[in-house]
N, C-alpha and C. Protein backbone atom coordinates (compact mmCIF):
# COMPACT_ATOMS: atom_id res chain seq x y z
N UNK A 1 24.93 -45.00 67.50
CA UNK A 1 23.45 -44.46 66.70
C UNK A 1 22.28 -45.34 66.44
N UNK A 2 21.10 -44.21 65.78
CA UNK A 2 20.30 -45.52 66.13
C UNK A 2 19.34 -45.55 64.92
N UNK A 3 19.08 -46.71 64.08
CA UNK A 3 18.76 -47.18 63.28
C UNK A 3 17.73 -46.39 62.26
N UNK A 4 16.86 -45.88 63.36
CA UNK A 4 16.09 -45.23 62.41
C UNK A 4 17.14 -43.52 63.01
N UNK A 5 17.97 -42.92 62.70
CA UNK A 5 18.83 -42.16 62.35
C UNK A 5 18.51 -41.92 60.64
N UNK A 6 19.73 -42.58 60.80
CA UNK A 6 20.30 -42.95 60.17
C UNK A 6 19.46 -43.40 58.41
N UNK A 7 18.21 -43.48 59.09
CA UNK A 7 17.22 -43.53 58.01
C UNK A 7 16.19 -42.34 57.55
N UNK A 8 16.40 -41.49 58.46
CA UNK A 8 16.16 -40.53 58.81
C UNK A 8 16.31 -39.10 57.62
N UNK A 9 17.61 -39.25 57.55
CA UNK A 9 18.40 -39.01 57.29
C UNK A 9 18.71 -38.88 55.27
N UNK A 10 18.74 -40.58 55.97
CA UNK A 10 18.27 -40.32 53.93
C UNK A 10 17.12 -40.51 53.26
N UNK A 11 16.42 -41.04 53.90
CA UNK A 11 14.95 -39.87 53.55
C UNK A 11 14.80 -37.99 52.91
N UNK A 12 15.90 -37.61 54.45
CA UNK A 12 15.76 -36.31 53.90
C UNK A 12 17.09 -35.99 52.37
N UNK A 13 17.40 -37.24 52.67
CA UNK A 13 18.54 -36.42 51.00
C UNK A 13 17.27 -37.08 50.18
N UNK A 14 16.93 -38.61 50.06
CA UNK A 14 15.96 -38.12 48.11
C UNK A 14 14.93 -36.66 47.92
N UNK A 15 14.65 -35.57 48.86
CA UNK A 15 13.61 -35.59 49.26
C UNK A 15 13.44 -34.04 48.90
N UNK A 16 15.30 -33.71 49.08
CA UNK A 16 16.58 -32.81 48.53
C UNK A 16 16.74 -32.79 47.03
N UNK A 17 16.85 -33.58 46.78
CA UNK A 17 17.17 -34.06 45.31
C UNK A 17 15.54 -34.00 45.37
N UNK A 18 14.79 -35.16 45.31
CA UNK A 18 13.18 -34.84 44.14
C UNK A 18 12.33 -32.94 43.88
N UNK A 19 12.99 -32.04 45.31
CA UNK A 19 12.80 -30.79 45.02
C UNK A 19 14.01 -29.62 44.07
N UNK A 20 15.17 -30.32 44.43
CA UNK A 20 15.97 -29.55 43.37
C UNK A 20 15.38 -30.00 42.02
N UNK A 21 14.59 -31.01 41.59
CA UNK A 21 14.66 -31.79 40.46
C UNK A 21 13.07 -31.62 40.22
N UNK A 22 12.90 -31.31 40.94
CA UNK A 22 10.99 -30.43 40.57
C UNK A 22 11.44 -29.26 40.52
N UNK A 23 12.15 -28.86 40.83
CA UNK A 23 12.30 -27.04 40.24
C UNK A 23 13.35 -26.39 38.85
N UNK A 24 13.56 -27.58 38.54
CA UNK A 24 14.06 -28.03 37.27
C UNK A 24 13.31 -28.09 36.46
N UNK A 25 12.55 -28.95 36.24
CA UNK A 25 11.78 -28.71 35.48
C UNK A 25 10.04 -28.25 35.54
N UNK A 26 10.55 -27.67 36.72
CA UNK A 26 9.43 -25.69 37.23
C UNK A 26 9.42 -24.93 35.41
N UNK A 27 11.18 -25.21 35.95
CA UNK A 27 11.86 -24.13 35.58
C UNK A 27 11.95 -23.79 33.92
N UNK A 28 11.63 -25.52 33.66
CA UNK A 28 12.57 -25.16 32.35
C UNK A 28 10.77 -25.70 32.25
N UNK A 29 10.03 -25.81 32.20
CA UNK A 29 7.84 -25.55 31.90
C UNK A 29 8.09 -23.55 31.45
N UNK A 30 8.36 -23.88 32.29
CA UNK A 30 8.05 -21.87 32.37
C UNK A 30 8.78 -21.45 30.86
N UNK A 31 10.17 -22.56 30.71
CA UNK A 31 10.33 -21.28 30.20
C UNK A 31 9.60 -21.88 28.62
N UNK A 32 8.96 -22.57 27.89
CA UNK A 32 8.73 -23.41 27.18
C UNK A 32 7.20 -22.54 26.72
N UNK A 33 6.84 -22.18 28.49
CA UNK A 33 6.01 -21.14 28.36
C UNK A 33 6.05 -19.84 28.06
N UNK A 34 7.48 -19.09 28.41
CA UNK A 34 7.30 -18.21 27.85
C UNK A 34 8.05 -17.82 26.49
N UNK A 35 8.49 -18.64 25.70
CA UNK A 35 8.76 -18.76 24.64
C UNK A 35 7.62 -18.96 23.87
N UNK A 36 7.25 -20.01 24.12
CA UNK A 36 5.71 -20.30 23.26
C UNK A 36 4.80 -18.67 23.07
N UNK A 37 4.94 -18.28 24.18
CA UNK A 37 3.86 -16.67 24.49
C UNK A 37 4.66 -16.56 23.73
N UNK A 38 5.76 -16.16 23.51
CA UNK A 38 6.16 -14.53 22.95
C UNK A 38 6.32 -15.28 21.71
N UNK A 39 6.15 -16.76 21.12
CA UNK A 39 6.37 -16.60 19.68
C UNK A 39 4.59 -16.94 19.11
N UNK A 40 3.70 -16.44 19.98
CA UNK A 40 2.41 -16.15 19.97
C UNK A 40 2.33 -14.70 19.77
N UNK A 41 2.57 -14.67 20.54
CA UNK A 41 2.45 -12.99 20.44
C UNK A 41 3.08 -11.99 19.15
N UNK A 42 4.32 -12.80 19.41
CA UNK A 42 4.95 -12.05 17.19
C UNK A 42 3.89 -12.29 17.11
N UNK A 43 3.45 -13.21 16.59
CA UNK A 43 2.32 -14.01 15.20
C UNK A 43 1.56 -12.67 14.78
N UNK A 44 0.98 -13.09 16.65
CA UNK A 44 -0.35 -11.60 16.86
C UNK A 44 -0.28 -10.53 15.55
N UNK A 45 0.56 -10.10 16.33
CA UNK A 45 1.45 -8.95 15.82
C UNK A 45 1.94 -9.52 14.19
N UNK A 46 1.97 -9.53 13.54
CA UNK A 46 2.62 -9.82 12.65
C UNK A 46 1.63 -9.67 11.99
N UNK A 47 0.10 -10.42 11.75
CA UNK A 47 -0.82 -11.11 11.22
C UNK A 47 -1.95 -10.09 11.25
N UNK A 48 -1.82 -8.98 12.17
CA UNK A 48 -1.78 -7.52 12.14
C UNK A 48 -1.57 -6.04 11.38
N UNK A 49 0.11 -6.76 11.52
CA UNK A 49 0.24 -5.47 10.74
C UNK A 49 -0.59 -5.72 9.19
N UNK A 50 0.02 -6.88 8.53
CA UNK A 50 -0.69 -7.87 6.91
C UNK A 50 -2.02 -7.34 6.95
N UNK A 51 -2.59 -7.61 7.97
CA UNK A 51 -4.37 -7.49 7.90
C UNK A 51 -4.02 -5.74 7.94
N UNK A 52 -3.63 -4.89 8.54
CA UNK A 52 -3.44 -3.40 7.92
C UNK A 52 -3.17 -3.11 6.91
N UNK A 53 -2.29 -3.84 6.83
CA UNK A 53 -1.74 -3.38 4.90
C UNK A 53 -2.39 -3.61 4.41
N UNK A 54 -3.30 -5.18 3.99
CA UNK A 54 -3.95 -5.53 2.88
C UNK A 54 -5.28 -4.19 3.22
N UNK A 55 -5.50 -3.78 4.29
CA UNK A 55 -7.06 -3.07 4.56
C UNK A 55 -6.03 -1.37 3.60
N UNK A 56 -5.36 -0.99 3.56
CA UNK A 56 -5.16 0.11 3.21
C UNK A 56 -4.90 0.09 1.19
N UNK A 57 -4.31 -0.84 1.00
CA UNK A 57 -4.14 -1.31 -0.08
C UNK A 57 -5.47 -1.18 -0.50
N UNK A 58 -6.41 -1.79 -0.42
CA UNK A 58 -7.95 -2.47 -0.70
C UNK A 58 -8.87 -0.81 -0.91
N UNK A 59 -7.88 0.68 0.16
CA UNK A 59 -8.39 1.58 -0.42
C UNK A 59 -8.08 2.40 -1.19
N UNK A 60 -6.55 2.53 -1.23
CA UNK A 60 -6.31 2.95 -2.50
C UNK A 60 -6.34 2.35 -3.76
N UNK A 61 -6.75 0.92 -3.71
CA UNK A 61 -7.65 -0.20 -5.12
C UNK A 61 -8.85 0.79 -4.96
N UNK A 62 -9.94 1.14 -4.58
CA UNK A 62 -11.36 1.79 -4.33
C UNK A 62 -10.54 3.72 -5.26
N UNK A 63 -10.10 4.24 -4.64
CA UNK A 63 -9.46 4.76 -4.83
C UNK A 63 -9.02 5.84 -6.66
N UNK A 64 -7.96 5.10 -6.59
CA UNK A 64 -7.70 4.56 -8.21
C UNK A 64 -8.82 4.20 -9.27
N UNK A 65 -9.34 3.56 -8.61
CA UNK A 65 -10.99 2.71 -9.48
C UNK A 65 -11.68 3.45 -9.85
N UNK A 66 -12.68 4.60 -8.68
CA UNK A 66 -13.09 5.63 -8.37
C UNK A 66 -13.00 6.60 -9.38
N UNK A 67 -10.90 7.66 -9.32
CA UNK A 67 -10.72 8.03 -9.77
C UNK A 67 -10.49 8.28 -11.30
N UNK A 68 -9.77 6.46 -12.18
CA UNK A 68 -9.93 7.04 -13.91
C UNK A 68 -11.43 6.37 -13.73
N UNK A 69 -12.41 5.85 -13.28
CA UNK A 69 -14.16 6.26 -13.74
C UNK A 69 -14.28 7.64 -14.25
N UNK A 70 -13.73 8.60 -12.53
CA UNK A 70 -14.69 9.74 -13.00
C UNK A 70 -13.73 10.62 -14.32
N UNK A 71 -11.91 9.91 -14.62
CA UNK A 71 -11.15 10.60 -15.35
C UNK A 71 -11.79 9.76 -16.33
N UNK A 72 -11.93 9.17 -16.77
CA UNK A 72 -12.94 8.46 -18.32
C UNK A 72 -14.00 8.95 -18.80
N UNK A 73 -15.52 8.80 -17.48
CA UNK A 73 -16.05 9.80 -17.81
C UNK A 73 -16.46 11.85 -17.70
N UNK A 74 -15.23 11.99 -17.83
CA UNK A 74 -15.10 12.77 -17.98
C UNK A 74 -14.26 13.83 -19.07
N UNK A 75 -13.26 12.72 -19.59
CA UNK A 75 -13.33 13.13 -21.19
C UNK A 75 -14.60 12.42 -21.38
N UNK A 76 -15.59 11.18 -21.49
CA UNK A 76 -16.01 11.05 -22.75
C UNK A 76 -16.76 11.88 -22.75
N UNK A 77 -17.69 12.92 -21.97
CA UNK A 77 -18.89 14.11 -22.30
C UNK A 77 -18.10 15.58 -23.54
N UNK A 78 -19.06 15.46 -23.49
CA UNK A 78 -19.42 16.29 -25.31
C UNK A 78 -18.22 17.19 -25.19
N UNK A 79 -18.22 18.47 -25.93
CA UNK A 79 -17.16 19.63 -25.60
C UNK A 79 -17.71 20.85 -24.73
N UNK A 80 -17.15 21.54 -24.22
CA UNK A 80 -17.90 22.20 -23.29
C UNK A 80 -18.48 21.88 -22.27
N UNK A 81 -18.84 20.52 -22.15
CA UNK A 81 -20.24 20.03 -20.14
C UNK A 81 -18.57 19.16 -19.54
N UNK A 82 -17.73 19.56 -19.94
CA UNK A 82 -16.67 18.02 -19.28
C UNK A 82 -16.14 18.90 -18.48
N UNK A 83 -14.97 18.40 -17.76
CA UNK A 83 -13.63 19.45 -16.79
C UNK A 83 -12.92 20.50 -17.89
N UNK A 84 -12.47 21.69 -16.83
CA UNK A 84 -12.48 22.68 -18.57
C UNK A 84 -10.46 22.26 -18.61
N UNK A 85 -9.95 20.55 -17.31
CA UNK A 85 -8.12 21.18 -17.71
C UNK A 85 -8.74 19.53 -18.76
N UNK A 86 -9.39 18.82 -19.14
CA UNK A 86 -9.76 17.80 -20.21
C UNK A 86 -10.36 18.32 -21.13
N UNK A 87 -10.38 19.84 -21.01
CA UNK A 87 -11.27 19.76 -22.95
C UNK A 87 -10.39 20.04 -23.76
N UNK A 88 -8.68 20.27 -23.97
CA UNK A 88 -8.01 20.73 -25.45
C UNK A 88 -7.30 19.59 -25.02
N UNK A 89 -7.57 17.83 -25.04
CA UNK A 89 -6.75 16.76 -25.09
C UNK A 89 -6.33 16.21 -26.85
N UNK A 90 -7.26 17.34 -27.68
CA UNK A 90 -6.54 16.81 -29.66
C UNK A 90 -5.42 18.08 -29.03
N UNK A 91 -4.72 19.02 -28.37
CA UNK A 91 -4.40 19.19 -28.50
C UNK A 91 -3.19 18.79 -28.00
N UNK A 92 -3.00 18.20 -27.45
CA UNK A 92 -1.81 17.39 -26.76
C UNK A 92 -0.74 16.53 -28.39
N UNK A 93 0.13 16.51 -28.34
CA UNK A 93 1.02 16.22 -28.59
C UNK A 93 1.15 14.44 -28.74
N UNK A 94 1.03 14.26 -28.94
CA UNK A 94 1.00 12.29 -29.65
C UNK A 94 2.88 11.62 -29.60
N UNK A 95 2.59 10.91 -28.25
CA UNK A 95 3.50 9.89 -28.21
C UNK A 95 3.92 9.08 -28.45
N UNK A 96 5.41 8.84 -28.92
CA UNK A 96 5.44 6.90 -28.93
C UNK A 96 5.07 6.25 -27.41
N UNK A 97 4.36 5.03 -27.48
CA UNK A 97 4.88 4.34 -26.27
C UNK A 97 5.99 4.55 -25.29
N UNK A 98 7.27 4.37 -25.53
CA UNK A 98 8.32 4.30 -24.65
C UNK A 98 8.32 5.95 -24.37
N UNK A 99 7.84 6.58 -25.02
CA UNK A 99 8.21 7.98 -24.39
C UNK A 99 6.72 8.68 -23.56
N UNK A 100 5.82 8.00 -22.93
CA UNK A 100 5.09 8.46 -22.27
C UNK A 100 5.79 8.54 -21.13
N UNK A 101 4.98 10.12 -20.64
CA UNK A 101 4.73 10.39 -18.86
C UNK A 101 4.85 9.83 -17.43
N UNK A 102 4.43 9.27 -18.12
CA UNK A 102 3.46 8.89 -16.57
C UNK A 102 4.06 7.62 -14.89
N UNK A 103 5.52 7.55 -15.44
CA UNK A 103 6.17 7.28 -15.51
C UNK A 103 7.56 6.87 -14.47
N UNK A 104 6.81 8.64 -14.96
CA UNK A 104 8.33 9.74 -14.29
C UNK A 104 8.13 10.80 -13.23
N UNK A 105 8.31 10.27 -11.52
CA UNK A 105 7.50 11.60 -10.50
C UNK A 105 7.66 12.53 -11.14
N UNK A 106 8.21 13.77 -11.89
CA UNK A 106 8.15 15.22 -11.84
C UNK A 106 6.84 15.46 -12.93
N UNK A 107 6.73 14.24 -13.64
CA UNK A 107 5.53 15.10 -14.81
C UNK A 107 4.25 15.14 -13.90
N UNK A 108 3.97 13.99 -12.30
CA UNK A 108 3.01 14.28 -11.58
C UNK A 108 2.86 15.71 -10.79
N UNK A 109 3.42 16.60 -10.73
CA UNK A 109 3.69 17.50 -9.81
C UNK A 109 2.11 18.03 -10.51
N UNK A 110 2.01 18.85 -9.22
CA UNK A 110 0.84 20.57 -9.96
C UNK A 110 1.50 20.61 -10.82
N UNK A 111 2.28 21.97 -11.15
CA UNK A 111 2.38 22.20 -12.76
C UNK A 111 3.64 21.50 -13.29
N UNK A 112 3.58 20.29 -14.61
CA UNK A 112 4.68 19.46 -14.75
C UNK A 112 5.15 20.21 -15.87
N UNK A 113 6.13 19.59 -16.24
CA UNK A 113 7.84 20.21 -16.61
C UNK A 113 7.58 21.00 -17.89
N UNK A 114 6.58 20.12 -18.55
CA UNK A 114 6.22 21.34 -20.06
C UNK A 114 4.08 20.74 -20.16
N UNK A 115 3.64 21.32 -19.72
CA UNK A 115 2.56 21.79 -19.33
C UNK A 115 1.18 21.60 -20.70
N UNK A 116 1.92 21.67 -21.70
CA UNK A 116 1.65 21.38 -22.72
C UNK A 116 1.11 19.54 -23.41
N UNK A 117 2.11 18.84 -22.60
CA UNK A 117 2.60 17.66 -23.34
C UNK A 117 1.36 16.80 -22.68
N UNK A 118 1.38 17.10 -21.46
CA UNK A 118 0.09 16.09 -20.33
C UNK A 118 -1.09 17.91 -19.89
N UNK A 119 -2.19 16.16 -19.85
CA UNK A 119 -2.77 16.68 -18.01
C UNK A 119 -2.89 16.25 -17.27
N UNK A 120 -2.97 17.36 -16.22
CA UNK A 120 -2.99 16.22 -14.67
C UNK A 120 -4.43 16.67 -14.57
N UNK A 121 -5.13 16.04 -13.73
CA UNK A 121 -6.97 16.85 -12.98
C UNK A 121 -6.93 15.92 -12.04
N UNK A 122 -7.54 16.11 -10.92
CA UNK A 122 -8.17 15.58 -9.64
C UNK A 122 -9.65 15.52 -9.92
N UNK A 123 -9.87 14.64 -10.02
CA UNK A 123 -11.16 14.81 -9.59
C UNK A 123 -11.71 14.73 -8.66
N UNK A 124 -13.08 16.02 -8.45
CA UNK A 124 -13.21 16.67 -7.07
C UNK A 124 -14.44 15.34 -6.55
N UNK A 125 -14.02 14.95 -5.47
CA UNK A 125 -14.84 13.95 -4.42
C UNK A 125 -15.21 13.19 -4.59
N UNK A 126 -14.16 11.73 -4.56
CA UNK A 126 -14.33 10.21 -5.66
C UNK A 126 -13.30 9.99 -4.05
N UNK A 127 -13.40 10.13 -3.10
CA UNK A 127 -12.36 9.56 -1.80
C UNK A 127 -13.33 9.68 -0.68
N UNK A 128 -13.41 9.90 -0.15
CA UNK A 128 -13.78 10.79 1.57
C UNK A 128 -12.60 10.96 2.00
N UNK A 129 -13.54 11.86 2.75
CA UNK A 129 -12.65 12.62 3.87
C UNK A 129 -11.04 12.40 4.30
N UNK A 130 -10.28 13.47 4.37
CA UNK A 130 -9.13 12.05 5.38
C UNK A 130 -7.80 11.58 3.68
N UNK A 131 -8.37 11.33 3.39
CA UNK A 131 -7.73 10.57 2.22
C UNK A 131 -7.18 11.19 0.82
N UNK A 132 -6.02 11.19 1.18
CA UNK A 132 -5.77 12.22 -0.10
C UNK A 132 -6.30 11.85 -1.42
N UNK A 133 -6.32 12.98 -2.39
CA UNK A 133 -7.35 12.77 -3.60
C UNK A 133 -6.64 11.97 -4.31
N UNK A 134 -7.58 11.08 -5.96
CA UNK A 134 -6.03 9.88 -6.73
C UNK A 134 -5.80 11.21 -7.52
N UNK A 135 -5.00 11.11 -7.99
CA UNK A 135 -4.85 11.83 -9.14
C UNK A 135 -4.63 11.40 -10.87
N UNK A 136 -5.56 11.66 -11.92
CA UNK A 136 -5.28 11.48 -13.33
C UNK A 136 -4.10 12.35 -13.26
N UNK A 137 -3.26 11.12 -14.82
CA UNK A 137 -2.32 12.36 -15.98
C UNK A 137 -3.02 11.95 -17.38
N UNK A 138 -3.02 12.11 -18.05
CA UNK A 138 -3.88 12.20 -19.43
C UNK A 138 -2.13 12.85 -20.87
N UNK A 139 -2.35 12.31 -21.33
CA UNK A 139 -1.51 11.32 -22.56
C UNK A 139 -1.65 11.18 -23.91
N UNK A 140 -1.06 11.71 -24.91
CA UNK A 140 -1.77 11.31 -26.43
C UNK A 140 -0.68 10.38 -26.70
N UNK A 141 -0.93 9.37 -27.53
CA UNK A 141 -0.16 8.33 -27.72
C UNK A 141 -0.28 7.84 -29.42
N UNK A 142 1.15 7.81 -30.11
CA UNK A 142 0.34 7.48 -31.41
C UNK A 142 0.58 6.02 -30.75
N UNK A 143 -0.47 5.30 -32.07
CA UNK A 143 -0.87 3.68 -32.07
C UNK A 143 -0.34 4.25 -33.58
N UNK A 144 0.86 2.14 -33.71
CA UNK A 144 0.88 1.53 -35.03
C UNK A 144 0.42 2.57 -36.03
N UNK A 145 -0.74 2.81 -36.61
CA UNK A 145 -1.50 3.24 -37.32
C UNK A 145 -1.55 4.72 -37.67
N UNK A 146 -0.50 5.50 -36.91
CA UNK A 146 -0.61 6.67 -36.98
C UNK A 146 -1.58 7.91 -36.00
N UNK A 147 -2.49 6.70 -35.58
CA UNK A 147 -3.94 7.28 -34.72
C UNK A 147 -3.87 7.52 -33.50
N UNK A 148 -4.02 8.14 -32.89
CA UNK A 148 -3.42 8.82 -31.49
C UNK A 148 -4.51 7.63 -30.87
N UNK A 149 -3.82 7.66 -29.74
CA UNK A 149 -5.39 6.81 -28.65
C UNK A 149 -4.65 7.22 -26.99
N UNK A 150 -6.04 8.66 -26.44
CA UNK A 150 -6.15 8.36 -25.50
C UNK A 150 -4.65 8.49 -24.21
N UNK A 151 -4.27 7.88 -23.23
CA UNK A 151 -3.43 7.12 -22.43
C UNK A 151 -3.84 7.33 -20.68
N UNK A 152 -4.82 6.80 -20.08
CA UNK A 152 -5.40 7.36 -18.64
C UNK A 152 -4.38 6.61 -17.74
N UNK A 153 -3.49 7.59 -16.45
CA UNK A 153 -2.69 6.48 -15.56
C UNK A 153 -3.25 7.10 -14.16
N UNK A 154 -3.73 6.77 -13.75
CA UNK A 154 -3.81 7.94 -12.10
C UNK A 154 -2.99 6.65 -10.85
N UNK A 155 -3.28 8.06 -10.58
CA UNK A 155 -3.10 7.30 -8.72
C UNK A 155 -4.34 6.90 -7.66
N UNK A 156 -4.22 5.85 -7.11
CA UNK A 156 -4.96 6.13 -6.37
C UNK A 156 -4.48 5.85 -4.56
N UNK A 157 -5.08 6.65 -3.69
CA UNK A 157 -3.27 6.40 -1.99
C UNK A 157 -4.61 6.48 -0.81
N UNK A 158 -3.84 5.61 -0.23
CA UNK A 158 -4.78 4.87 1.32
C UNK A 158 -4.14 6.61 1.70
N UNK A 159 -5.65 6.73 2.90
CA UNK A 159 -5.16 6.93 4.28
C UNK A 159 -3.66 7.66 4.75
N UNK A 160 -2.93 8.42 5.61
CA UNK A 160 -1.74 8.26 5.28
C UNK A 160 -0.79 8.44 4.74
N UNK A 161 -0.66 8.23 3.57
CA UNK A 161 -0.57 8.86 2.77
C UNK A 161 0.64 8.96 2.40
N UNK A 162 2.24 9.41 2.35
CA UNK A 162 3.17 10.29 2.33
C UNK A 162 4.73 9.88 1.46
N UNK A 163 4.95 10.94 0.87
CA UNK A 163 6.52 10.06 -0.21
C UNK A 163 7.33 11.16 0.45
N UNK A 164 8.15 11.27 -0.42
CA UNK A 164 9.97 11.85 -0.68
C UNK A 164 9.49 12.73 -1.50
N UNK A 165 9.60 14.18 -1.96
CA UNK A 165 9.08 15.14 -2.15
C UNK A 165 10.01 14.80 -3.65
N UNK A 166 11.51 15.23 -3.18
CA UNK A 166 12.46 14.72 -4.07
C UNK A 166 12.50 13.74 -5.62
N UNK A 167 11.98 12.47 -4.91
CA UNK A 167 12.39 10.72 -5.23
C UNK A 167 10.73 10.64 -5.58
N UNK A 168 9.68 10.79 -4.85
CA UNK A 168 8.59 10.24 -4.97
C UNK A 168 7.55 9.13 -4.30
N UNK A 169 9.49 8.38 -3.68
CA UNK A 169 9.24 7.20 -3.25
C UNK A 169 7.90 6.99 -2.02
N UNK A 170 7.19 6.72 -2.10
CA UNK A 170 6.62 6.43 -1.07
C UNK A 170 6.93 6.13 0.66
N UNK A 171 6.24 7.08 1.70
CA UNK A 171 6.94 6.45 2.49
C UNK A 171 6.16 6.02 4.49
N UNK A 172 5.30 6.10 3.43
CA UNK A 172 4.15 5.26 4.24
C UNK A 172 2.35 5.44 3.75
N UNK A 173 1.76 5.10 4.28
CA UNK A 173 0.13 4.42 2.83
C UNK A 173 0.87 3.52 1.95
N UNK A 174 -0.08 3.12 0.87
CA UNK A 174 -0.50 2.23 -0.16
C UNK A 174 -0.21 3.61 -0.83
N UNK A 175 0.03 3.06 -2.05
CA UNK A 175 -0.51 4.17 -3.89
C UNK A 175 -0.42 2.85 -4.46
N UNK A 176 -2.48 3.06 -5.37
CA UNK A 176 -2.34 1.99 -6.00
C UNK A 176 -1.88 2.88 -7.89
N UNK A 177 -1.31 2.64 -8.69
CA UNK A 177 -2.03 2.93 -9.67
C UNK A 177 -2.13 2.08 -11.52
N UNK A 178 -3.34 2.62 -11.53
CA UNK A 178 -4.62 2.13 -12.81
C UNK A 178 -4.03 2.47 -13.80
N UNK A 179 -4.19 2.28 -15.26
CA UNK A 179 -4.10 2.72 -16.46
C UNK A 179 -5.05 2.16 -17.40
N UNK A 180 -5.80 3.11 -17.91
CA UNK A 180 -6.63 2.67 -19.24
C UNK A 180 -5.46 3.38 -20.86
N UNK A 181 -6.29 3.02 -21.44
CA UNK A 181 -6.28 3.54 -23.66
C UNK A 181 -7.35 3.44 -24.19
N UNK A 182 -7.66 4.49 -24.46
CA UNK A 182 -9.08 4.96 -25.07
C UNK A 182 -8.43 5.52 -26.17
N UNK A 183 -9.22 4.68 -27.35
CA UNK A 183 -9.04 4.63 -28.41
C UNK A 183 -10.31 5.09 -29.11
N UNK A 184 -10.28 6.24 -30.10
CA UNK A 184 -11.41 6.33 -31.19
C UNK A 184 -12.21 6.72 -31.92
N UNK A 185 -12.33 5.96 -32.64
CA UNK A 185 -13.04 6.04 -34.31
C UNK A 185 -13.58 6.61 -35.08
């Protein structure tokens, strides 16, 4: 054999090994790029979900604030000029603070268990169409001075809010609760 043919064979073996190493490097780089792309997409989806939840929470917060203002305004109106539901708050029994009913889901029903204990009021036109109406629950509370105060609890909802009717647990959307205490001297 000639010397040339041996050198040619040795050179082609090196080329084949180089091609194999290059292929391995390219595959590793593709794997790294794929993993990086997947992580970036996952991060983008997570950021989008967080942003959507914050937007829904903001809408629910605004609805609750608008409803709280509307309920307090109706309570402050002179007798006969406010909402009929809120006309007889003086007849509600004053409850100790630990016996208020706002935290119990059944009292938020359109007809509460004992309608003479609380007043449920849904202020009109405080949220845009497509958003569930916020709700007010008004109770009287006895203070340590034996004078009554009015407790206004409000729930504001985001668009798409749904709940389990048996437990009141939120299934989708957001709900924000606000509360104010009104004391008149």
